[in-house]
Amino acid sequence: MTRSRTVRRLAAAAAVGLLPLLAACGTGTDTGSESHASDGEKTTAGSSGQLDIPADANADLKKQYLLENAIAACMKKQGFTYTPVAPEDPAASWDTYGADYALTKKYRQKYGFGIYAGIVYPDDAGASGSAAAQQNSNKTPNADYVDTLTPEQKAAYDKALGAIPDPKTGEKNWTGCQGEADKKVYGSSSAQERGTETTNRNQANAKALNGDPKLVALAQSYASCLRKEGISVTTTQPTGIGEMVRFQALDSAPAGTIPTVDEDGNTQEPMSKEEALPLLTKDIELAMRDLECGKEFRTAYFPKFLKAPTSGGGAG
């Protein structure tokens, strides 16, 4: 899945409060029953089939753990196996997108913005878009289990698991076990209602970040540095400038960066490793210039952003 498609899908999910359950729907972001807790230690489903909730998880993260456990319990009653997937701490997901300077630097020195890395390093699971990364994301306990089912059993499994709210039908809640678990963890408020609350909160958080005098000043300095480096600046808003250069690089990437399917259903293979290598070199140079220009800004931005985040708007 391309970055732009991923962003659009996550944004759409956030709009109706669906982010907590994306892992249960097989978005390709699952890492199986093993994930990383907020303290960096791996969290796995025990013999009981339930996840242990990290002691330092915040209220939202705890609910996501409870949600996965509730889905697993419900599916067991329906006669199916569902392995609860430990949710990723949202704060940790930003580590290589600028929240942790050292980790981001290490990532960018090898992968740049990650646009061409998957082609140059097809066997590297750390390179987004690589064959190894895709293979790793597809190898989940639930996917493996579903593969063992007959078509009839799979249809029954999908019905039992349930689906996301469909605005076209006026459905405001998840169905099946996902709906049952959602109600158990979040109460009577619908996913749609929570989505509206989330949208309003995100907008308020974004307004506060973009109106923060210190962040505004640092964003201006960041922009000045980029211009000196010959990099185009299209926004100086604190919630946008950190992602700006990366998105520009994505938008300007040539055809063949990723496999595409034409109107006739034919797969167009990506560019070769030899073609991608010089582009990766340039991508690394651009990513590093952006990182250094925004170092001071990100140091001030992320502590505030992570306390009051906005969906889809960070400083990667």
C-alpha atoms as a PDB file:
ATOM      1  CA  MET A   1       0.000   0.000   0.000  1.00  0.00           C
ATOM      2  CA  THR A   2       1.352   3.422  -0.871  1.00  0.00           C
ATOM      3  CA  ARG A   3       1.988   6.069   1.735  1.00  0.00           C
ATOM      4  CA  SER A   4      -0.764   8.315   0.315  1.00  0.00           C
ATOM      5  CA  ARG A   5      -3.301   5.478   0.329  1.00  0.00           C
ATOM      6  CA  THR A   6      -2.311   4.572   3.876  1.00  0.00           C
ATOM      7  CA  VAL A   7      -2.721   8.184   5.035  1.00  0.00           C
ATOM      8  CA  ARG A   8      -6.119   8.462   3.362  1.00  0.00           C
ATOM      9  CA  ARG A   9      -7.275   5.186   4.909  1.00  0.00           C
ATOM     10  CA  LEU A  10      -6.108   6.160   8.387  1.00  0.00           C
ATOM     11  CA  ALA A  11      -7.674   9.613   8.038  1.00  0.00           C
ATOM     12  CA  ALA A  12     -10.977   8.072   6.991  1.00  0.00           C
ATOM     13  CA  ALA A  13     -10.850   5.655   9.910  1.00  0.00           C
ATOM     14  CA  ALA A  14     -10.051   8.436  12.359  1.00  0.00           C
ATOM     15  CA  ALA A  15     -13.022  10.420  11.060  1.00  0.00           C
ATOM     16  CA  VAL A  16     -15.421   7.841  12.469  1.00  0.00           C
ATOM     17  CA  GLY A  17     -13.297   6.792  15.445  1.00  0.00           C
ATOM     18  CA  LEU A  18     -12.134   3.520  13.936  1.00  0.00           C
ATOM     19  CA  LEU A  19      -8.403   3.644  14.614  1.00  0.00           C
ATOM     20  CA  PRO A  20      -8.520   1.434  17.743  1.00  0.00           C
ATOM     21  CA  LEU A  21      -9.896  -1.467  15.694  1.00  0.00           C
ATOM     22  CA  LEU A  22      -7.885  -1.219  12.491  1.00  0.00           C
ATOM     23  CA  ALA A  23      -5.613  -4.067  13.586  1.00  0.00           C
ATOM     24  CA  ALA A  24      -8.592  -6.354  13.889  1.00  0.00           C
ATOM     25  CA  CYS A  25      -9.570  -5.712  10.283  1.00  0.00           C
ATOM     26  CA  GLY A  26      -6.290  -6.743   8.691  1.00  0.00           C
ATOM     27  CA  THR A  27      -4.991  -3.394   7.423  1.00  0.00           C
ATOM     28  CA  GLY A  28      -1.503  -4.780   6.993  1.00  0.00           C
ATOM     29  CA  THR A  29      -0.226  -2.997  10.081  1.00  0.00           C
ATOM     30  CA  ASP A  30      -0.479  -6.046  12.341  1.00  0.00           C
ATOM     31  CA  THR A  31       2.671  -7.725  13.497  1.00  0.00           C
ATOM     32  CA  GLY A  32       0.954 -10.827  14.779  1.00  0.00           C
ATOM     33  CA  SER A  33       0.407 -11.688  18.409  1.00  0.00           C
ATOM     34  CA  GLU A  34       3.744 -10.197  19.282  1.00  0.00           C
ATOM     35  CA  SER A  35       4.194  -6.454  19.520  1.00  0.00           C
ATOM     36  CA  HIS A  36       6.053  -3.866  21.520  1.00  0.00           C
ATOM     37  CA  ALA A  37       4.705  -2.431  24.722  1.00  0.00           C
ATOM     38  CA  SER A  38       5.330   1.186  25.606  1.00  0.00           C
ATOM     39  CA  ASP A  39       8.452   0.217  27.526  1.00  0.00           C
ATOM     40  CA  GLY A  40       9.926  -1.465  24.463  1.00  0.00           C
ATOM     41  CA  GLU A  41       9.424  -5.010  25.763  1.00  0.00           C
ATOM     42  CA  LYS A  42       7.529  -7.492  23.649  1.00  0.00           C
ATOM     43  CA  THR A  43       3.961  -8.253  24.611  1.00  0.00           C
ATOM     44  CA  THR A  44       2.399 -11.534  23.530  1.00  0.00           C
ATOM     45  CA  ALA A  45      -0.861 -13.332  24.069  1.00  0.00           C
ATOM     46  CA  GLY A  46      -0.376 -15.875  26.837  1.00  0.00           C
ATOM     47  CA  SER A  47      -1.724 -19.400  27.115  1.00  0.00           C
ATOM     48  CA  SER A  48      -5.108 -17.951  28.061  1.00  0.00           C
ATOM     49  CA  GLY A  49      -5.251 -16.257  24.673  1.00  0.00           C
ATOM     50  CA  GLN A  50      -5.373 -12.850  26.344  1.00  0.00           C
ATOM     51  CA  LEU A  51      -2.854 -10.016  26.245  1.00  0.00           C
ATOM     52  CA  ASP A  52      -1.263  -8.677  29.411  1.00  0.00           C
ATOM     53  CA  ILE A  53      -1.756  -4.918  29.611  1.00  0.00           C
ATOM     54  CA  PRO A  54       1.484  -2.971  30.258  1.00  0.00           C
ATOM     55  CA  ALA A  55       1.403  -1.238  33.622  1.00  0.00           C
ATOM     56  CA  ASP A  56       2.522   2.069  32.107  1.00  0.00           C
ATOM     57  CA  ALA A  57      -0.019   2.100  29.257  1.00  0.00           C
ATOM     58  CA  ASN A  58      -2.175   5.216  29.194  1.00  0.00           C
ATOM     59  CA  ALA A  59      -5.978   5.069  29.342  1.00  0.00           C
ATOM     60  CA  ASP A  60      -6.493   5.006  25.554  1.00  0.00           C
ATOM     61  CA  LEU A  61      -3.891   2.285  25.026  1.00  0.00           C
ATOM     62  CA  LYS A  62      -5.370   0.163  27.821  1.00  0.00           C
ATOM     63  CA  LYS A  63      -8.753   0.296  26.120  1.00  0.00           C
ATOM     64  CA  GLN A  64      -7.196  -0.936  22.885  1.00  0.00           C
ATOM     65  CA  TYR A  65      -5.719  -3.907  24.748  1.00  0.00           C
ATOM     66  CA  LEU A  66      -9.085  -4.613  26.375  1.00  0.00           C
ATOM     67  CA  LEU A  67     -10.719  -4.351  22.958  1.00  0.00           C
ATOM     68  CA  GLU A  68      -8.436  -6.976  21.423  1.00  0.00           C
ATOM     69  CA  ASN A  69      -8.964  -9.311  24.370  1.00  0.00           C
ATOM     70  CA  ALA A  70     -12.735  -8.875  24.161  1.00  0.00           C
ATOM     71  CA  ILE A  71     -12.723  -9.686  20.434  1.00  0.00           C
ATOM     72  CA  ALA A  72     -10.723 -12.853  21.113  1.00  0.00           C
ATOM     73  CA  ALA A  73     -13.122 -13.951  23.856  1.00  0.00           C
ATOM     74  CA  CYS A  74     -16.148 -13.304  21.668  1.00  0.00           C
ATOM     75  CA  MET A  75     -14.694 -15.178  18.684  1.00  0.00           C
ATOM     76  CA  LYS A  76     -13.916 -18.144  20.945  1.00  0.00           C
ATOM     77  CA  LYS A  77     -17.585 -18.308  21.905  1.00  0.00           C
ATOM     78  CA  GLN A  78     -18.419 -18.315  18.194  1.00  0.00           C
ATOM     79  CA  GLY A  79     -16.173 -21.318  17.699  1.00  0.00           C
ATOM     80  CA  PHE A  80     -13.290 -19.476  16.036  1.00  0.00           C
ATOM     81  CA  THR A  81      -9.719 -18.711  16.993  1.00  0.00           C
ATOM     82  CA  TYR A  82      -8.718 -15.047  17.101  1.00  0.00           C
ATOM     83  CA  THR A  83      -5.274 -14.083  18.338  1.00  0.00           C
ATOM     84  CA  PRO A  84      -5.407 -10.644  19.982  1.00  0.00           C
ATOM     85  CA  VAL A  85      -2.850  -8.262  18.493  1.00  0.00           C
ATOM     86  CA  ALA A  86      -1.003  -6.014  20.911  1.00  0.00           C
ATOM     87  CA  PRO A  87      -1.586  -2.406  19.817  1.00  0.00           C
ATOM     88  CA  GLU A  88       1.377  -0.179  19.229  1.00  0.00           C
ATOM     89  CA  ASP A  89       1.888   2.755  21.533  1.00  0.00           C
ATOM     90  CA  PRO A  90       1.150   5.788  19.302  1.00  0.00           C
ATOM     91  CA  ALA A  91       4.065   7.654  20.860  1.00  0.00           C
ATOM     92  CA  ALA A  92       6.503   4.895  19.835  1.00  0.00           C
ATOM     93  CA  SER A  93       5.235   4.972  16.247  1.00  0.00           C
ATOM     94  CA  TRP A  94       6.713   8.463  15.849  1.00  0.00           C
ATOM     95  CA  ASP A  95      10.217   7.521  17.016  1.00  0.00           C
ATOM     96  CA  THR A  96      11.697   7.256  13.504  1.00  0.00           C
ATOM     97  CA  TYR A  97       9.516  10.086  12.206  1.00  0.00           C
ATOM     98  CA  GLY A  98      11.309  12.716  14.235  1.00  0.00           C
ATOM     99  CA  ALA A  99      10.261  12.214  17.851  1.00  0.00           C
ATOM    100  CA  ASP A 100      13.567  10.501  18.620  1.00  0.00           C
ATOM    101  CA  TYR A 101      16.343  12.363  16.823  1.00  0.00           C
ATOM    102  CA  ALA A 102      18.930   9.575  17.127  1.00  0.00           C
ATOM    103  CA  LEU A 103      16.591   6.865  15.828  1.00  0.00           C
ATOM    104  CA  THR A 104      15.307   9.079  13.025  1.00  0.00           C
ATOM    105  CA  LYS A 105      18.852   9.931  11.987  1.00  0.00           C
ATOM    106  CA  LYS A 106      19.848   6.269  11.946  1.00  0.00           C
ATOM    107  CA  TYR A 107      16.805   5.414   9.827  1.00  0.00           C
ATOM    108  CA  ARG A 108      17.283   8.258   7.357  1.00  0.00           C
ATOM    109  CA  GLN A 109      20.998   7.647   6.920  1.00  0.00           C
ATOM    110  CA  LYS A 110      20.131   4.290   5.363  1.00  0.00           C
ATOM    111  CA  TYR A 111      16.592   4.646   4.039  1.00  0.00           C
ATOM    112  CA  GLY A 112      16.064   8.361   3.518  1.00  0.00           C
ATOM    113  CA  PHE A 113      12.326   8.990   3.554  1.00  0.00           C
ATOM    114  CA  GLY A 114      11.797   5.338   2.707  1.00  0.00           C
ATOM    115  CA  ILE A 115      10.572   5.956  -0.830  1.00  0.00           C
ATOM    116  CA  TYR A 116      13.168   3.872  -2.678  1.00  0.00           C
ATOM    117  CA  ALA A 117      14.583   1.778   0.167  1.00  0.00           C
ATOM    118  CA  GLY A 118      12.229  -1.123  -0.426  1.00  0.00           C
ATOM    119  CA  ILE A 119      13.555  -1.530  -3.969  1.00  0.00           C
ATOM    120  CA  VAL A 120      17.219  -1.225  -3.028  1.00  0.00           C
ATOM    121  CA  TYR A 121      16.859  -3.444   0.054  1.00  0.00           C
ATOM    122  CA  PRO A 122      14.155  -5.996  -0.888  1.00  0.00           C
ATOM    123  CA  ASP A 123      15.285  -8.415   1.831  1.00  0.00           C
ATOM    124  CA  ASP A 124      15.389  -5.816   4.593  1.00  0.00           C
ATOM    125  CA  ALA A 125      12.268  -5.923   6.771  1.00  0.00           C
ATOM    126  CA  GLY A 126      13.197  -2.474   8.100  1.00  0.00           C
ATOM    127  CA  ALA A 127      12.740  -0.894   4.679  1.00  0.00           C
ATOM    128  CA  SER A 128       9.130   0.098   4.133  1.00  0.00           C
ATOM    129  CA  GLY A 129       7.787  -1.356   0.931  1.00  0.00           C
ATOM    130  CA  SER A 130      10.418  -4.090   0.744  1.00  0.00           C
ATOM    131  CA  ALA A 131       9.402  -7.642  -0.071  1.00  0.00           C
ATOM    132  CA  ALA A 132      10.579  -8.698   3.381  1.00  0.00           C
ATOM    133  CA  ALA A 133       8.487  -6.007   5.065  1.00  0.00           C
ATOM    134  CA  GLN A 134       5.409  -6.961   3.059  1.00  0.00           C
ATOM    135  CA  GLN A 135       5.927 -10.621   3.799  1.00  0.00           C
ATOM    136  CA  ASN A 136       6.414  -9.887   7.475  1.00  0.00           C
ATOM    137  CA  SER A 137       3.238  -7.791   7.666  1.00  0.00           C
ATOM    138  CA  ASN A 138       1.212 -10.520   5.971  1.00  0.00           C
ATOM    139  CA  LYS A 139       2.415 -13.266   8.304  1.00  0.00           C
ATOM    140  CA  THR A 140      -0.004 -12.772  11.168  1.00  0.00           C
ATOM    141  CA  PRO A 141      -1.501 -15.527  13.305  1.00  0.00           C
ATOM    142  CA  ASN A 142      -5.010 -14.519  12.256  1.00  0.00           C
ATOM    143  CA  ALA A 143      -4.141 -14.485   8.556  1.00  0.00           C
ATOM    144  CA  ASP A 144      -2.490 -17.891   8.874  1.00  0.00           C
ATOM    145  CA  TYR A 145      -5.537 -19.227  10.684  1.00  0.00           C
ATOM    146  CA  VAL A 146      -7.991 -17.882   8.120  1.00  0.00           C
ATOM    147  CA  ASP A 147      -5.920 -19.494   5.367  1.00  0.00           C
ATOM    148  CA  THR A 148      -6.735 -22.893   6.889  1.00  0.00           C
ATOM    149  CA  LEU A 149     -10.492 -22.322   6.604  1.00  0.00           C
ATOM    150  CA  THR A 150     -12.741 -23.466   3.790  1.00  0.00           C
ATOM    151  CA  PRO A 151     -14.571 -20.726   1.816  1.00  0.00           C
ATOM    152  CA  GLU A 152     -17.734 -21.417   3.831  1.00  0.00           C
ATOM    153  CA  GLN A 153     -15.853 -21.287   7.124  1.00  0.00           C
ATOM    154  CA  LYS A 154     -14.100 -18.082   6.097  1.00  0.00           C
ATOM    155  CA  ALA A 155     -17.433 -16.443   5.290  1.00  0.00           C
ATOM    156  CA  ALA A 156     -18.722 -17.474   8.725  1.00  0.00           C
ATOM    157  CA  TYR A 157     -15.514 -16.206  10.360  1.00  0.00           C
ATOM    158  CA  ASP A 158     -15.818 -12.811   8.643  1.00  0.00           C
ATOM    159  CA  LYS A 159     -19.455 -12.521   9.707  1.00  0.00           C
ATOM    160  CA  ALA A 160     -18.597 -13.421  13.291  1.00  0.00           C
ATOM    161  CA  LEU A 161     -15.714 -10.942  13.394  1.00  0.00           C
ATOM    162  CA  GLY A 162     -17.881  -8.189  11.940  1.00  0.00           C
ATOM    163  CA  ALA A 163     -17.244  -5.118   9.844  1.00  0.00           C
ATOM    164  CA  ILE A 164     -16.664  -1.401  10.183  1.00  0.00           C
ATOM    165  CA  PRO A 165     -19.606   1.043  10.321  1.00  0.00           C
ATOM    166  CA  ASP A 166     -20.953   1.734   6.830  1.00  0.00           C
ATOM    167  CA  PRO A 167     -22.108   5.371   6.496  1.00  0.00           C
ATOM    168  CA  LYS A 168     -24.015   4.422   3.327  1.00  0.00           C
ATOM    169  CA  THR A 169     -26.362   2.200   5.330  1.00  0.00           C
ATOM    170  CA  GLY A 170     -26.545   4.516   8.312  1.00  0.00           C
ATOM    171  CA  GLU A 171     -24.760   1.987  10.507  1.00  0.00           C
ATOM    172  CA  LYS A 172     -22.936   3.800  13.306  1.00  0.00           C
ATOM    173  CA  ASN A 173     -21.331   0.859  15.058  1.00  0.00           C
ATOM    174  CA  TRP A 174     -19.108  -2.103  14.302  1.00  0.00           C
ATOM    175  CA  THR A 175     -20.918  -5.387  13.790  1.00  0.00           C
ATOM    176  CA  GLY A 176     -20.146  -8.895  15.035  1.00  0.00           C
ATOM    177  CA  CYS A 177     -17.556  -9.491  17.726  1.00  0.00           C
ATOM    178  CA  GLN A 178     -15.883  -6.191  16.957  1.00  0.00           C
ATOM    179  CA  GLY A 179     -19.164  -4.456  17.722  1.00  0.00           C
ATOM    180  CA  GLU A 180     -19.694  -6.460  20.905  1.00  0.00           C
ATOM    181  CA  ALA A 181     -16.151  -5.726  22.081  1.00  0.00           C
ATOM    182  CA  ASP A 182     -16.476  -2.052  21.172  1.00  0.00           C
ATOM    183  CA  LYS A 183     -19.631  -1.707  23.270  1.00  0.00           C
ATOM    184  CA  LYS A 184     -18.067  -3.595  26.168  1.00  0.00           C
ATOM    185  CA  VAL A 185     -14.979  -1.365  26.249  1.00  0.00           C
ATOM    186  CA  TYR A 186     -16.348   2.005  25.156  1.00  0.00           C
ATOM    187  CA  GLY A 187     -19.909   1.832  26.414  1.00  0.00           C
ATOM    188  CA  SER A 188     -23.052   3.023  24.679  1.00  0.00           C
ATOM    189  CA  SER A 189     -21.510   5.823  22.610  1.00  0.00           C
ATOM    190  CA  SER A 190     -21.283   4.846  18.958  1.00  0.00           C
ATOM    191  CA  ALA A 191     -18.064   4.714  16.969  1.00  0.00           C
ATOM    192  CA  GLN A 192     -19.415   7.572  14.889  1.00  0.00           C
ATOM    193  CA  GLU A 193     -20.068   9.718  17.964  1.00  0.00           C
ATOM    194  CA  ARG A 194     -16.594   9.033  19.288  1.00  0.00           C
ATOM    195  CA  GLY A 195     -15.225   9.888  15.867  1.00  0.00           C
ATOM    196  CA  THR A 196     -16.881  13.290  15.999  1.00  0.00           C
ATOM    197  CA  GLU A 197     -15.437  13.871  19.457  1.00  0.00           C
ATOM    198  CA  THR A 198     -11.999  12.825  18.203  1.00  0.00           C
ATOM    199  CA  THR A 199     -12.233  15.154  15.208  1.00  0.00           C
ATOM    200  CA  ASN A 200     -13.180  18.084  17.425  1.00  0.00           C
ATOM    201  CA  ARG A 201     -10.363  17.292  19.843  1.00  0.00           C
ATOM    202  CA  ASN A 202      -7.858  16.983  17.001  1.00  0.00           C
ATOM    203  CA  GLN A 203      -8.905  20.333  15.610  1.00  0.00           C
ATOM    204  CA  ALA A 204      -8.553  21.965  19.015  1.00  0.00           C
ATOM    205  CA  ASN A 205      -5.123  20.385  19.522  1.00  0.00           C
ATOM    206  CA  ALA A 206      -3.969  21.512  16.080  1.00  0.00           C
ATOM    207  CA  LYS A 207      -5.157  25.049  16.745  1.00  0.00           C
ATOM    208  CA  ALA A 208      -3.209  25.126  20.000  1.00  0.00           C
ATOM    209  CA  LEU A 209      -0.026  23.785  18.400  1.00  0.00           C
ATOM    210  CA  ASN A 210      -0.237  26.183  15.474  1.00  0.00           C
ATOM    211  CA  GLY A 211      -0.816  29.076  17.851  1.00  0.00           C
ATOM    212  CA  ASP A 212       2.049  28.258  20.196  1.00  0.00           C
ATOM    213  CA  PRO A 213       4.444  31.253  19.980  1.00  0.00           C
ATOM    214  CA  LYS A 214       7.589  29.178  20.572  1.00  0.00           C
ATOM    215  CA  LEU A 215       6.641  26.565  17.965  1.00  0.00           C
ATOM    216  CA  VAL A 216       5.687  29.257  15.463  1.00  0.00           C
ATOM    217  CA  ALA A 217       9.073  30.933  15.879  1.00  0.00           C
ATOM    218  CA  LEU A 218      10.961  27.644  15.596  1.00  0.00           C
ATOM    219  CA  ALA A 219       8.938  26.684  12.526  1.00  0.00           C
ATOM    220  CA  GLN A 220       9.969  29.951  10.890  1.00  0.00           C
ATOM    221  CA  SER A 221      13.629  29.220  11.646  1.00  0.00           C
ATOM    222  CA  TYR A 222      13.156  25.710  10.289  1.00  0.00           C
ATOM    223  CA  ALA A 223      11.678  27.131   7.091  1.00  0.00           C
ATOM    224  CA  SER A 224      14.531  29.616   6.695  1.00  0.00           C
ATOM    225  CA  CYS A 225      17.062  26.798   6.990  1.00  0.00           C
ATOM    226  CA  LEU A 226      15.223  24.759   4.355  1.00  0.00           C
ATOM    227  CA  ARG A 227      15.176  27.691   1.942  1.00  0.00           C
ATOM    228  CA  LYS A 228      18.939  28.143   2.397  1.00  0.00           C
ATOM    229  CA  GLU A 229      19.298  24.482   1.468  1.00  0.00           C
ATOM    230  CA  GLY A 230      17.324  25.135  -1.702  1.00  0.00           C
ATOM    231  CA  ILE A 231      14.268  23.245  -0.469  1.00  0.00           C
ATOM    232  CA  SER A 232      10.818  24.575  -1.283  1.00  0.00           C
ATOM    233  CA  VAL A 233       8.671  25.625   1.668  1.00  0.00           C
ATOM    234  CA  THR A 234       4.913  25.392   1.202  1.00  0.00           C
ATOM    235  CA  THR A 235       3.823  25.746   4.831  1.00  0.00           C
ATOM    236  CA  THR A 236       5.256  27.098   8.059  1.00  0.00           C
ATOM    237  CA  GLN A 237       2.484  25.778  10.305  1.00  0.00           C
ATOM    238  CA  PRO A 238       3.937  23.726  13.182  1.00  0.00           C
ATOM    239  CA  THR A 239       1.556  20.841  12.440  1.00  0.00           C
ATOM    240  CA  GLY A 240       2.569  20.718   8.794  1.00  0.00           C
ATOM    241  CA  ILE A 241       6.168  21.710   8.308  1.00  0.00           C
ATOM    242  CA  GLY A 242       7.675  18.551   9.814  1.00  0.00           C
ATOM    243  CA  GLU A 243       5.946  16.346   7.219  1.00  0.00           C
ATOM    244  CA  MET A 244       6.218  18.823   4.358  1.00  0.00           C
ATOM    245  CA  VAL A 245       9.540  17.821   2.776  1.00  0.00           C
ATOM    246  CA  ARG A 246       8.766  14.113   3.037  1.00  0.00           C
ATOM    247  CA  PHE A 247       5.382  14.499   1.375  1.00  0.00           C
ATOM    248  CA  GLN A 248       6.895  16.651  -1.357  1.00  0.00           C
ATOM    249  CA  ALA A 249       9.452  13.920  -2.005  1.00  0.00           C
ATOM    250  CA  LEU A 250       6.672  11.347  -2.198  1.00  0.00           C
ATOM    251  CA  ASP A 251       4.612  13.469  -4.567  1.00  0.00           C
ATOM    252  CA  SER A 252       7.559  14.034  -6.888  1.00  0.00           C
ATOM    253  CA  ALA A 253       8.698  10.394  -6.934  1.00  0.00           C
ATOM    254  CA  PRO A 254       8.828   9.042 -10.502  1.00  0.00           C
ATOM    255  CA  ALA A 255       6.583   6.299 -11.802  1.00  0.00           C
ATOM    256  CA  GLY A 256       7.806   2.833 -10.967  1.00  0.00           C
ATOM    257  CA  THR A 257       8.552   3.556  -7.336  1.00  0.00           C
ATOM    258  CA  ILE A 258       5.982   0.958  -6.336  1.00  0.00           C
ATOM    259  CA  PRO A 259       4.123  -1.789  -8.219  1.00  0.00           C
ATOM    260  CA  THR A 260       0.912  -0.466  -9.787  1.00  0.00           C
ATOM    261  CA  VAL A 261      -2.025  -2.052 -11.552  1.00  0.00           C
ATOM    262  CA  ASP A 262      -3.262  -0.520 -14.808  1.00  0.00           C
ATOM    263  CA  GLU A 263      -6.862  -0.331 -16.035  1.00  0.00           C
ATOM    264  CA  ASP A 264      -6.583  -3.778 -17.599  1.00  0.00           C
ATOM    265  CA  GLY A 265      -5.465  -5.316 -14.325  1.00  0.00           C
ATOM    266  CA  ASN A 266      -1.873  -5.785 -15.437  1.00  0.00           C
ATOM    267  CA  THR A 267       0.768  -5.271 -12.776  1.00  0.00           C
ATOM    268  CA  GLN A 268       3.425  -2.725 -13.675  1.00  0.00           C
ATOM    269  CA  GLU A 269       6.638  -3.734 -11.993  1.00  0.00           C
ATOM    270  CA  PRO A 270       8.635  -1.128 -10.091  1.00  0.00           C
ATOM    271  CA  MET A 271      11.943   0.255 -11.242  1.00  0.00           C
ATOM    272  CA  SER A 272      15.051  -1.858 -10.901  1.00  0.00           C
ATOM    273  CA  LYS A 273      17.464  -1.714  -7.983  1.00  0.00           C
ATOM    274  CA  GLU A 274      20.047  -0.094 -10.283  1.00  0.00           C
ATOM    275  CA  GLU A 275      17.570   2.641 -11.208  1.00  0.00           C
ATOM    276  CA  ALA A 276      16.504   3.179  -7.615  1.00  0.00           C
ATOM    277  CA  LEU A 277      19.966   3.349  -6.045  1.00  0.00           C
ATOM    278  CA  PRO A 278      20.915   6.890  -7.218  1.00  0.00           C
ATOM    279  CA  LEU A 279      17.417   8.082  -6.288  1.00  0.00           C
ATOM    280  CA  LEU A 280      17.843   6.620  -2.811  1.00  0.00           C
ATOM    281  CA  THR A 281      21.146   8.480  -2.458  1.00  0.00           C
ATOM    282  CA  LYS A 282      19.416  11.770  -3.278  1.00  0.00           C
ATOM    283  CA  ASP A 283      16.517  10.881  -0.982  1.00  0.00           C
ATOM    284  CA  ILE A 284      18.924  10.278   1.902  1.00  0.00           C
ATOM    285  CA  GLU A 285      20.625  13.632   1.287  1.00  0.00           C
ATOM    286  CA  LEU A 286      17.279  15.434   1.241  1.00  0.00           C
ATOM    287  CA  ALA A 287      15.999  13.617   4.326  1.00  0.00           C
ATOM    288  CA  MET A 288      19.147  14.439   6.272  1.00  0.00           C
ATOM    289  CA  ARG A 289      19.036  18.125   5.346  1.00  0.00           C
ATOM    290  CA  ASP A 290      15.419  18.244   6.453  1.00  0.00           C
ATOM    291  CA  LEU A 291      16.238  16.446   9.705  1.00  0.00           C
ATOM    292  CA  GLU A 292      19.052  18.817  10.638  1.00  0.00           C
ATOM    293  CA  CYS A 293      17.074  21.940   9.730  1.00  0.00           C
ATOM    294  CA  GLY A 294      14.189  20.779  11.877  1.00  0.00           C
ATOM    295  CA  LYS A 295      16.145  19.395  14.819  1.00  0.00           C
ATOM    296  CA  GLU A 296      15.454  22.253  17.224  1.00  0.00           C
ATOM    297  CA  PHE A 297      11.845  22.510  16.100  1.00  0.00           C
ATOM    298  CA  ARG A 298      11.132  18.805  16.591  1.00  0.00           C
ATOM    299  CA  THR A 299      12.755  18.821  20.037  1.00  0.00           C
ATOM    300  CA  ALA A 300      10.189  21.395  21.133  1.00  0.00           C
ATOM    301  CA  TYR A 301       7.277  20.128  19.039  1.00  0.00           C
ATOM    302  CA  PHE A 302       6.981  16.441  19.831  1.00  0.00           C
ATOM    303  CA  PRO A 303       6.587  16.636  23.627  1.00  0.00           C
ATOM    304  CA  LYS A 304       3.592  18.915  23.057  1.00  0.00           C
ATOM    305  CA  PHE A 305       2.248  16.963  20.084  1.00  0.00           C
ATOM    306  CA  LEU A 306       2.376  13.620  21.898  1.00  0.00           C
ATOM    307  CA  LYS A 307       0.502  15.050  24.889  1.00  0.00           C
ATOM    308  CA  ALA A 308      -2.220  16.489  22.644  1.00  0.00           C
ATOM    309  CA  PRO A 309      -1.922  14.811  19.215  1.00  0.00           C
ATOM    310  CA  THR A 310      -3.771  15.530  16.025  1.00  0.00           C
ATOM    311  CA  SER A 311      -4.562  12.702  13.602  1.00  0.00           C
ATOM    312  CA  GLY A 312      -2.475  12.834  10.465  1.00  0.00           C
ATOM    313  CA  GLY A 313      -0.540  15.910  11.520  1.00  0.00           C
ATOM    314  CA  GLY A 314       2.887  15.412  12.990  1.00  0.00           C
ATOM    315  CA  ALA A 315       6.446  16.498  12.498  1.00  0.00           C
ATOM    316  CA  GLY A 316       8.099  13.490  10.930  1.00  0.00           C
END
